[in-house]
Protein backbone atom coordinates (compact mmCIF):
# COMPACT_ATOMS: atom_id res chain seq x y z
CA MET A 1 131.57 155.94 194.23
CA ILE A 2 132.66 153.06 196.38
CA ILE A 3 131.15 150.28 194.10
CA ASN A 4 132.74 151.62 191.01
CA PHE A 5 136.21 151.69 193.00
CA ARG A 6 135.58 148.10 194.23
CA TYR A 7 134.88 147.41 190.49
CA HIS A 8 138.04 149.10 189.53
CA ILE A 9 140.49 147.26 191.57
CA PHE A 10 138.86 143.72 190.90
CA THR A 11 139.25 144.57 187.20
CA ILE A 12 142.79 145.59 187.44
CA THR A 13 143.72 142.29 189.83
CA ALA A 14 141.97 140.00 187.37
CA ILE A 15 143.98 141.72 184.53
CA PHE A 16 147.67 141.07 186.57
CA ALA A 17 146.69 137.49 187.49
CA ALA A 18 145.61 136.62 184.10
CA LEU A 19 149.11 137.91 182.30
CA GLY A 20 150.88 136.25 185.24
CA ILE A 21 149.08 132.68 184.65
CA GLY A 22 150.04 133.35 180.81
CA ILE A 23 153.57 134.00 181.33
CA LEU A 24 153.71 130.99 183.91
CA ILE A 25 151.81 128.68 181.00
CA GLY A 26 154.08 130.03 178.20
CA SER A 27 156.96 129.53 179.70
CA SER A 28 156.20 125.92 180.87
CA ILE A 29 155.31 124.96 177.53
CA ILE A 30 158.27 126.64 175.42
CA GLY A 31 161.40 125.53 178.69
CA ASN A 32 164.39 126.51 178.00
CA GLU A 33 165.80 124.12 175.51
CA GLY A 34 162.68 124.69 172.98
CA LEU A 35 163.36 128.40 173.60
CA LEU A 36 167.29 127.98 172.45
CA GLU A 37 166.84 125.59 169.77
CA GLU A 38 164.27 128.21 168.00
CA GLN A 39 167.03 130.99 168.75
CA GLN A 40 169.62 128.61 166.89
CA ARG A 41 167.60 128.02 164.18
CA ILE A 42 166.70 131.46 163.35
CA VAL A 43 170.63 132.65 163.75
CA ARG A 44 171.15 129.82 161.40
CA GLU A 45 168.77 130.97 158.87
CA ILE A 46 170.28 134.48 159.05
CA SER A 47 173.64 133.19 158.58
CA ASN A 48 172.62 131.17 155.47
CA ASP A 49 170.78 134.27 153.79
CA ILE A 50 174.03 136.27 154.60
CA ASP A 51 176.08 133.61 152.80
CA ARG A 52 173.66 133.56 149.69
CA MET A 53 173.64 137.42 149.89
CA LYS A 54 177.42 137.55 149.68
CA ASP A 55 177.60 134.99 146.80
CA GLU A 56 175.11 136.84 144.35
CA ASN A 57 176.69 139.78 145.62
CA THR A 58 179.75 138.43 144.29
CA ARG A 59 178.43 136.64 141.27
CA LEU A 60 176.94 140.35 140.39
CA LEU A 61 180.28 142.50 141.08
CA LYS A 62 181.42 139.93 138.53
CA SER A 63 178.87 140.72 135.87
CA ILE A 64 179.26 144.65 136.18
CA SER A 65 182.95 144.52 135.89
CA SER A 66 182.39 142.11 132.65
CA LEU A 67 179.48 144.55 131.18
CA GLU A 68 182.12 147.32 132.12
CA ALA A 69 184.87 146.24 130.16
CA ASN A 70 182.32 145.35 126.99
CA LEU A 71 181.25 148.93 127.16
CA ASP A 72 184.63 150.33 127.25
CA TYR A 73 185.62 148.32 124.32
CA LYS A 74 182.58 148.86 122.28
CA LYS A 75 182.82 152.70 122.97
CA LYS A 76 186.97 152.46 122.03
CA ILE A 77 185.91 150.97 118.73
CA GLU A 78 183.11 153.59 118.18
CA GLU A 79 185.24 156.58 118.67
CA GLN A 80 187.88 154.74 116.04
CA LEU A 81 185.13 154.13 113.78
CA TYR A 82 182.54 156.78 113.84
CA PRO A 83 184.82 159.79 112.38
CA LEU A 84 186.27 157.11 109.77
CA LEU A 85 182.68 156.06 108.34
CA LEU A 86 181.54 159.80 108.60
CA GLU A 87 184.61 162.38 107.79
CA ASP A 88 183.86 162.99 104.31
CA LYS A 89 180.08 162.66 104.76
CA MET A 90 179.43 165.12 107.47
CA GLU A 91 182.57 167.84 106.93
CA GLY A 92 181.61 171.39 106.49
CA ARG A 93 177.90 170.28 107.70
CA ARG A 94 176.74 173.16 110.13
CA PHE A 95 173.53 171.81 112.24
CA PHE A 96 171.31 173.55 114.83
CA LEU A 97 168.87 171.42 117.31
CA LEU A 98 166.03 172.72 118.96
CA TYR A 99 164.68 170.63 121.36
CA ASN A 100 162.05 169.95 123.97
CA ASN A 101 161.32 167.31 126.79
CA VAL A 102 164.72 166.10 126.32
CA SER A 103 166.84 164.63 129.36
CA GLU A 104 170.04 166.29 130.09
CA GLU A 105 171.84 162.83 129.80
CA LYS A 106 170.50 162.12 126.48
CA LEU A 107 171.46 165.72 125.10
CA ASN A 108 174.94 164.79 126.61
CA GLU A 109 174.43 161.83 124.47
CA LEU A 110 173.85 163.33 121.38
CA VAL A 111 176.52 165.82 121.62
CA TYR A 112 179.00 163.63 122.41
CA TYR A 113 178.38 161.68 119.22
CA LEU A 114 177.85 164.85 117.40
CA LYS A 115 181.38 165.97 118.18
CA LEU A 116 182.92 162.61 117.53
CA MET A 117 181.31 162.82 113.90
CA ASN A 118 183.40 166.54 113.74
CA ILE A 119 180.30 168.27 113.21
CA ASN A 120 179.35 172.13 113.82
CA PHE A 121 176.30 172.54 115.98
CA ASP A 122 174.42 174.84 118.15
CA PHE A 123 171.36 174.35 120.29
CA LEU A 124 168.85 175.99 122.32
CA GLN A 125 165.71 174.49 124.44
CA PHE A 126 162.56 175.58 122.77
CA ASP A 127 160.46 177.66 125.28
CA LYS A 128 157.16 178.70 123.46
CA ASP A 129 156.94 181.84 125.64
CA LYS A 130 160.38 183.08 124.58
CA TRP A 131 160.66 181.96 120.90
CA SER A 132 160.25 185.20 119.24
CA GLU A 133 162.54 187.05 121.32
CA ILE A 134 165.26 184.45 120.85
CA PHE A 135 164.46 183.31 117.41
CA PRO A 136 167.81 181.85 116.07
CA GLU A 137 170.03 182.75 113.66
CA LEU A 138 170.06 179.73 110.76
CA ASN A 139 171.71 181.48 108.35
CA ASN A 140 174.51 179.88 109.55
CA PHE A 141 173.54 176.68 109.66
CA ASN A 142 172.45 173.95 106.66
CA TYR A 143 170.00 171.65 108.74
CA LEU A 144 167.68 172.96 111.27
CA ILE A 145 166.88 169.49 113.70
CA SER A 146 163.23 169.58 115.91
CA TRP A 147 163.54 167.16 118.77
CA ASN A 148 160.15 166.59 120.34
CA LEU A 149 158.70 169.50 119.08
CA GLY A 150 155.54 170.50 117.25
CA GLU A 151 154.92 172.26 114.12
CA GLU A 152 154.29 175.73 115.96
CA ILE A 153 157.78 176.26 115.91
CA TYR A 154 157.73 177.03 112.45
CA THR A 155 155.76 180.10 112.23
CA GLY A 156 157.51 183.25 111.34
CA MET A 157 160.49 181.09 110.00
CA ASP A 158 161.44 181.61 106.25
CA LEU A 159 163.13 178.46 105.77
CA GLU A 160 161.87 178.45 101.82
CA GLU A 161 164.00 180.95 100.83
CA LYS A 162 167.49 179.44 102.15
CA GLU A 163 169.07 177.19 100.14
CA ASP A 164 171.24 174.35 101.08
CA PHE A 165 168.90 174.27 103.92
CA SER A 166 167.22 170.54 105.47
CA LEU A 167 164.84 170.70 108.33
CA LEU A 168 164.51 167.53 110.62
CA ASN A 169 161.84 166.98 112.51
CA TYR A 170 162.16 163.76 115.21
CA GLN A 171 159.85 162.62 118.04
CA GLY A 172 161.55 160.18 120.39
CA ASP A 173 163.87 159.85 123.23
CA ASP A 174 166.38 157.54 121.32
CA VAL A 175 169.54 159.61 120.49
CA GLU A 176 170.74 156.63 118.29
CA ASN A 177 167.58 156.52 116.16
CA LEU A 178 168.16 160.60 115.71
CA LEU A 179 171.69 160.25 115.01
CA ILE A 180 170.67 157.61 112.05
CA ASN A 181 168.01 159.85 110.68
CA ILE A 182 170.38 162.99 110.71
CA VAL A 183 173.03 160.72 108.84
CA LYS A 184 170.23 159.62 106.60
CA GLU A 185 169.10 163.04 106.00
CA VAL A 186 172.97 164.33 104.92
CA LEU A 187 173.39 161.62 102.93
CA ASN A 188 170.07 161.95 101.04
CA ALA A 189 171.07 166.00 100.44
CA GLN A 190 174.13 164.50 98.34
């Protein structure tokens, strides 16, 4: 036991001696001037990085302001032109939209444009399990639009008997393309 204890004390002493020698050599190599210069260089680099980030932030804020102004301008034009272009074409049309796997943002965008075009519409998120229970009454609508749905939803629907009724299937996430297809369907039906 005594041999092990001596060995342990010798090892601890050697570790602290090596640590002390390393600190002594390290501080004599760098010196106070080298350490101070290194700290000043790091501070200058950080200051330059902060200045660059401020400049980039200012540039990006100006760019965002410009893009927002451009977007507001285009929205105003849209709000004024859509109803004028499609006023007579869409009047009296009634749409029912069944959708699946559509984000709330995309759905809100579509609703915005449908309201802008003065279209009567209703919509329902498709749930295959509850479909037979909540089957919509389609007699009040001229158009059924299915958005990101398969063909299985049409089983049980008696669509052939209804006159003045069109069916539009759309797959995808692009609201503008869906709107273009809706307008084409209405124009082709006339």
